[in-house]
Amino acid sequence: MKAAEPVNVVGELVWHAHWGEFRDVYYLLRSRQIWNVCWENLTKKKKIVVFAGAGMSVSAGIPDFRSFKGVFKTPFGSDIFNRTIYNTDEGTAAFYSTITDLYALCKDAKPTAFHRLLAKLAEEKRLLRLYTQNIDAIERLLPPLWPITVQLHGNILKMGCTKCSAILDFNPTVFESTSPVPCPQCSKVQESRVINKKRPLLYNDDNPDEEKIKAALKIDLNQRPDALFVAGTTLTIPSVIEYTRVMEQAIHRNKKGLTVWFNKDIAPPNCGVEWDRDVRMACDDIANIML
């Protein structure tokens, strides 16, 4: 497996530098290198596919769930977003509190620089698809981007019924208690039917949208995409790794196909994806250079 050479001028020193002059010089060097290595290639790409994660929305005030700080700091740690959280009343109550806080953040969040970069590519008809692991639905605020967005893990602005599969607007009052709440769509038919107080996909959940996602992927593969960006994600979820691998293999059947890893962290070495460019920067830093 070929390893891409990192776009990295001075290494980690930049993150710890305190001298403004050095930082400015570093940023100029870094910006020029990013431009030369990536943007000159990307301007030639007409069918770009993006897989994005939490790093794209951090500057919008949506936390990276790996940190679980602030409103997301609970005794359950990362298990707060695992389906096993429903196994106890204490876990359920903690999840409801967390999901309500997350909804409050997401409903008022504004697009980041990276969102705007993707919207620009969409407006230019060069972005074929955005596959996002994020549940904040910020893309809805960018008309060029929203119609070509596939939400891999659902949407915090929605909730669903366990029985009739009705999708409803998120209602924070539903989460004030762990007691069952009748679904307004089917409660007249059977009173035991209740709202499933989550629409975002939890870890270890079966994905109800899996077939639709695969259908979108098939459509995109048939369009013969020529570039793949993977941005702001650690790429650890098996299904997302598989989707990315399939897309990368299709793109590299084209001799001019390009795959780019955008993240402050190194790409996972065993994911089976071949990267042509490895850009170690935050999403917004990259976008601000490219916009």
Protein backbone atom coordinates (compact mmCIF):
# COMPACT_ATOMS: atom_id res chain seq x y z
CA MET A 1 0.00 0.00 0.00
CA LYS A 2 1.50 3.32 -1.07
CA ALA A 3 1.79 5.95 1.64
CA ALA A 4 1.23 9.56 0.66
CA GLU A 5 3.93 12.03 1.59
CA PRO A 6 2.55 14.36 4.28
CA VAL A 7 2.18 18.02 3.40
CA ASN A 8 4.09 19.08 6.48
CA VAL A 9 6.72 21.83 6.41
CA VAL A 10 8.00 22.02 9.99
CA GLY A 11 6.13 19.19 11.68
CA GLU A 12 4.38 19.54 15.00
CA LEU A 13 6.44 22.57 16.01
CA VAL A 14 3.80 24.89 14.61
CA TRP A 15 1.20 23.81 17.14
CA HIS A 16 3.45 24.81 20.05
CA ALA A 17 5.11 27.93 18.63
CA HIS A 18 4.63 31.14 20.62
CA TRP A 19 6.56 33.53 18.37
CA GLY A 20 4.12 35.40 16.16
CA GLU A 21 6.72 36.10 13.47
CA PHE A 22 7.62 32.42 13.15
CA ARG A 23 3.94 31.46 13.03
CA ASP A 24 3.33 33.94 10.21
CA VAL A 25 6.28 32.65 8.18
CA TYR A 26 5.23 29.06 8.82
CA TYR A 27 1.66 29.77 7.74
CA LEU A 28 2.82 31.40 4.52
CA LEU A 29 5.04 28.42 3.71
CA ARG A 30 2.31 26.00 4.65
CA SER A 31 -0.31 27.88 2.63
CA ARG A 32 1.87 27.97 -0.48
CA GLN A 33 2.60 24.28 -0.19
CA ILE A 34 -1.06 23.37 0.26
CA TRP A 35 -1.89 25.50 -2.77
CA ASN A 36 0.83 23.98 -4.94
CA VAL A 37 0.27 20.37 -3.93
CA CYS A 38 -3.53 20.29 -3.80
CA TRP A 39 -5.37 23.19 -5.31
CA GLU A 40 -3.62 23.15 -8.70
CA ASN A 41 -4.73 19.53 -9.04
CA LEU A 42 -8.19 20.07 -7.62
CA THR A 43 -9.06 22.88 -10.01
CA LYS A 44 -8.95 20.29 -12.75
CA LYS A 45 -11.31 17.88 -11.00
CA LYS A 46 -14.94 17.87 -12.13
CA LYS A 47 -16.52 15.04 -10.13
CA ILE A 48 -15.40 15.25 -6.52
CA VAL A 49 -16.75 13.03 -3.73
CA VAL A 50 -16.27 14.01 -0.07
CA PHE A 51 -16.54 11.91 3.09
CA ALA A 52 -16.58 14.21 6.13
CA GLY A 53 -16.66 13.91 9.90
CA ALA A 54 -16.80 15.93 13.09
CA GLY A 55 -13.71 17.98 12.30
CA MET A 56 -15.68 19.86 9.67
CA SER A 57 -18.09 21.30 12.27
CA VAL A 58 -15.88 21.94 15.30
CA SER A 59 -15.49 25.65 14.55
CA ALA A 60 -19.30 25.92 14.37
CA GLY A 61 -19.44 25.02 18.06
CA ILE A 62 -20.27 21.34 17.57
CA PRO A 63 -17.81 19.30 19.65
CA ASP A 64 -15.71 16.46 18.42
CA PHE A 65 -17.35 13.62 20.35
CA ARG A 66 -13.98 12.00 21.09
CA SER A 67 -13.27 14.73 23.62
CA PHE A 68 -16.64 14.61 25.44
CA LYS A 69 -15.99 17.91 27.17
CA GLY A 70 -18.46 20.48 28.43
CA VAL A 71 -22.07 19.41 27.92
CA PHE A 72 -20.92 16.00 26.68
CA LYS A 73 -18.85 15.08 29.72
CA THR A 74 -20.81 12.28 31.42
CA PRO A 75 -19.95 9.23 33.55
CA PHE A 76 -20.72 7.09 30.50
CA GLY A 77 -17.95 8.54 28.31
CA SER A 78 -18.20 7.48 24.67
CA ASP A 79 -20.94 4.98 25.56
CA ILE A 80 -23.38 7.90 25.76
CA PHE A 81 -23.78 7.45 21.98
CA ASN A 82 -23.93 3.65 22.03
CA ARG A 83 -27.27 1.88 21.72
CA THR A 84 -26.51 0.07 25.00
CA ILE A 85 -27.12 3.40 26.75
CA TYR A 86 -30.82 2.43 26.80
CA ASN A 87 -30.11 -0.58 29.02
CA THR A 88 -30.57 1.42 32.24
CA ASP A 89 -32.82 4.28 33.29
CA GLU A 90 -29.74 6.22 34.38
CA GLY A 91 -28.12 5.80 30.99
CA THR A 92 -31.32 6.71 29.16
CA ALA A 93 -31.73 9.88 31.22
CA ALA A 94 -28.10 10.87 30.57
CA PHE A 95 -28.54 10.29 26.84
CA TYR A 96 -31.74 12.34 26.69
CA SER A 97 -30.03 15.23 28.46
CA THR A 98 -27.04 15.04 26.13
CA ILE A 99 -29.09 14.79 22.95
CA THR A 100 -31.19 17.80 23.99
CA ASP A 101 -28.06 19.86 24.62
CA LEU A 102 -26.66 18.75 21.27
CA TYR A 103 -29.88 19.74 19.51
CA ALA A 104 -29.65 23.23 21.04
CA LEU A 105 -26.13 23.60 19.63
CA CYS A 106 -26.95 22.24 16.19
CA LYS A 107 -30.15 24.13 15.46
CA ASP A 108 -28.36 27.49 15.68
CA ALA A 109 -24.97 26.45 14.25
CA LYS A 110 -23.66 28.31 11.20
CA PRO A 111 -21.64 26.92 8.29
CA THR A 112 -17.88 26.75 8.72
CA ALA A 113 -15.26 27.75 6.17
CA PHE A 114 -15.04 24.12 5.07
CA HIS A 115 -18.81 23.98 4.58
CA ARG A 116 -18.51 27.09 2.42
CA LEU A 117 -15.71 25.52 0.39
CA LEU A 118 -17.90 22.50 -0.34
CA ALA A 119 -20.83 24.77 -1.21
CA LYS A 120 -18.57 26.62 -3.66
CA LEU A 121 -17.59 23.35 -5.31
CA ALA A 122 -21.27 22.35 -5.44
CA GLU A 123 -22.23 25.68 -7.00
CA GLU A 124 -19.55 25.15 -9.63
CA LYS A 125 -21.09 21.70 -10.32
CA ARG A 126 -17.80 20.03 -9.38
CA LEU A 127 -18.93 18.35 -6.15
CA LEU A 128 -20.69 15.13 -7.00
CA ARG A 129 -21.64 14.17 -3.43
CA LEU A 130 -21.00 14.89 0.25
CA TYR A 131 -21.27 11.88 2.53
CA THR A 132 -21.30 13.21 6.09
CA GLN A 133 -21.07 11.38 9.40
CA ASN A 134 -22.20 14.56 11.15
CA ILE A 135 -25.74 14.83 12.49
CA ASP A 136 -25.82 18.64 12.79
CA ALA A 137 -27.48 19.17 9.36
CA ILE A 138 -25.58 22.44 8.84
CA GLU A 139 -25.59 21.66 5.12
CA ARG A 140 -29.29 22.59 4.99
CA LEU A 141 -28.24 26.25 5.28
CA LEU A 142 -26.29 26.07 2.01
CA PRO A 143 -28.69 25.54 -0.92
CA PRO A 144 -26.05 24.32 -3.40
CA LEU A 145 -24.76 21.72 -0.92
CA TRP A 146 -27.89 20.35 0.76
CA PRO A 147 -29.43 18.46 -2.23
CA ILE A 148 -26.26 16.43 -2.79
CA THR A 149 -25.65 15.61 0.89
CA VAL A 150 -26.06 12.04 2.18
CA GLN A 151 -26.35 11.81 5.97
CA LEU A 152 -24.70 8.55 6.97
CA HIS A 153 -25.78 8.71 10.62
CA GLY A 154 -29.08 10.57 10.60
CA ASN A 155 -30.05 14.05 11.65
CA ILE A 156 -30.32 15.63 15.12
CA LEU A 157 -33.23 17.79 13.95
CA LYS A 158 -35.45 14.71 13.52
CA MET A 159 -36.80 11.86 15.66
CA GLY A 160 -38.67 8.72 14.68
CA CYS A 161 -41.33 6.23 15.74
CA THR A 162 -40.28 2.67 16.61
CA LYS A 163 -43.34 1.17 14.94
CA CYS A 164 -44.68 3.18 12.02
CA SER A 165 -41.29 4.68 11.04
CA ALA A 166 -42.74 8.19 10.97
CA ILE A 167 -40.04 10.88 10.95
CA LEU A 168 -40.95 13.89 13.08
CA ASP A 169 -39.33 17.20 13.88
CA PHE A 170 -37.24 17.02 17.04
CA ASN A 171 -39.22 18.09 20.10
CA PRO A 172 -37.08 18.73 23.21
CA THR A 173 -40.06 18.22 25.54
CA VAL A 174 -40.21 14.56 24.50
CA PHE A 175 -36.81 14.08 26.12
CA GLU A 176 -37.75 15.56 29.50
CA SER A 177 -38.80 12.13 30.77
CA THR A 178 -37.76 8.54 30.11
CA SER A 179 -41.44 7.52 30.01
CA PRO A 180 -42.86 6.41 26.63
CA VAL A 181 -44.49 9.13 24.54
CA PRO A 182 -47.28 8.24 22.07
CA CYS A 183 -46.49 8.77 18.41
CA PRO A 184 -48.99 11.28 16.94
CA GLN A 185 -48.96 9.42 13.62
CA CYS A 186 -50.03 6.00 14.84
CA SER A 187 -51.18 6.30 18.48
CA LYS A 188 -54.83 6.19 17.39
CA VAL A 189 -54.18 2.79 15.85
CA GLN A 190 -52.36 1.26 18.80
CA GLU A 191 -51.68 3.11 22.03
CA SER A 192 -48.56 1.07 22.78
CA ARG A 193 -46.72 2.57 19.84
CA VAL A 194 -44.29 5.17 21.08
CA ILE A 195 -41.81 7.65 19.75
CA ASN A 196 -38.30 6.33 19.49
CA LYS A 197 -36.57 9.31 21.06
CA LYS A 198 -33.63 9.27 18.70
CA ARG A 199 -33.13 9.74 15.01
CA PRO A 200 -29.36 10.06 14.87
CA LEU A 201 -27.73 6.67 14.49
CA LEU A 202 -25.98 5.35 17.60
CA TYR A 203 -22.89 3.17 17.67
CA ASN A 204 -23.78 -0.51 17.10
CA ASP A 205 -27.20 0.45 15.73
CA ASP A 206 -28.48 -1.10 12.52
CA ASN A 207 -28.69 1.68 9.96
CA PRO A 208 -32.24 1.98 8.56
CA ASP A 209 -30.86 4.05 5.68
CA GLU A 210 -28.19 1.56 4.62
CA GLU A 211 -29.89 0.56 1.37
CA LYS A 212 -30.46 4.19 0.39
CA ILE A 213 -26.82 5.01 1.12
CA LYS A 214 -25.64 2.10 -1.01
CA ALA A 215 -27.98 3.19 -3.81
CA ALA A 216 -26.50 6.71 -3.73
CA LEU A 217 -23.00 5.23 -3.73
CA LYS A 218 -23.82 3.12 -6.78
CA ILE A 219 -25.15 6.17 -8.63
CA ASP A 220 -22.00 8.11 -7.80
CA LEU A 221 -19.70 5.29 -8.88
CA ASN A 222 -21.49 5.17 -12.23
CA GLN A 223 -20.67 8.87 -12.66
CA ARG A 224 -16.95 7.98 -12.66
CA PRO A 225 -15.74 10.41 -9.98
CA ASP A 226 -12.22 11.76 -10.38
CA ALA A 227 -11.36 12.91 -6.84
CA LEU A 228 -11.99 11.84 -3.25
CA PHE A 229 -11.59 14.06 -0.17
CA VAL A 230 -11.80 12.51 3.29
CA ALA A 231 -11.92 15.35 5.82
CA GLY A 232 -12.29 15.76 9.56
CA THR A 233 -12.84 12.10 10.38
CA THR A 234 -10.69 9.45 12.05
CA LEU A 235 -12.21 6.91 9.66
CA THR A 236 -12.80 4.19 12.24
CA ILE A 237 -16.42 3.15 11.59
CA PRO A 238 -16.41 -0.07 9.51
CA SER A 239 -19.24 0.89 7.16
CA VAL A 240 -17.67 4.27 6.38
CA ILE A 241 -14.28 2.64 5.81
CA GLU A 242 -15.92 0.26 3.35
CA TYR A 243 -17.72 3.05 1.47
CA THR A 244 -14.49 5.04 1.29
CA ARG A 245 -12.48 2.04 0.11
CA VAL A 246 -14.94 1.30 -2.68
CA MET A 247 -14.86 4.93 -3.82
CA GLU A 248 -11.04 5.12 -3.69
CA GLN A 249 -10.65 1.97 -5.78
CA ALA A 250 -13.03 3.33 -8.41
CA ILE A 251 -11.22 6.67 -8.55
CA HIS A 252 -7.80 5.05 -8.94
CA ARG A 253 -9.00 3.13 -11.98
CA ASN A 254 -8.63 6.54 -13.60
CA LYS A 255 -4.91 7.32 -14.03
CA LYS A 256 -5.64 10.96 -13.18
CA GLY A 257 -7.80 10.15 -10.16
CA LEU A 258 -6.84 11.90 -6.91
CA THR A 259 -7.43 10.94 -3.27
CA VAL A 260 -6.70 13.41 -0.45
CA TRP A 261 -6.67 12.94 3.34
CA PHE A 262 -7.51 16.21 5.18
CA ASN A 263 -6.96 15.95 8.93
CA LYS A 264 -4.65 17.11 11.70
CA ASP A 265 -4.11 13.44 12.53
CA ILE A 266 -2.46 10.74 10.47
CA ALA A 267 -4.65 8.57 8.25
CA PRO A 268 -5.38 5.13 9.75
CA PRO A 269 -2.72 2.78 8.33
CA ASN A 270 -4.86 -0.34 8.05
CA CYS A 271 -8.03 1.00 6.43
CA GLY A 272 -7.07 -0.26 2.97
CA VAL A 273 -7.34 3.16 1.31
CA GLU A 274 -4.52 4.54 -0.85
CA TRP A 275 -3.92 8.28 -0.45
CA ASP A 276 -2.24 10.46 -3.06
CA ARG A 277 -2.05 13.46 -0.73
CA ASP A 278 -1.89 13.57 3.07
CA VAL A 279 -2.68 17.10 4.29
CA ARG A 280 -2.20 17.47 8.06
CA MET A 281 -4.30 20.55 8.78
CA ALA A 282 -7.63 21.43 10.34
CA CYS A 283 -10.54 21.60 7.90
CA ASP A 284 -11.08 25.34 8.24
CA ASP A 285 -7.38 26.10 7.78
CA ILE A 286 -7.46 24.19 4.52
CA ALA A 287 -10.66 25.92 3.41
CA ASN A 288 -9.33 29.39 4.20
CA ILE A 289 -6.33 28.69 1.96
CA MET A 290 -8.45 27.33 -0.86
CA LEU A 291 -11.35 29.78 -0.83
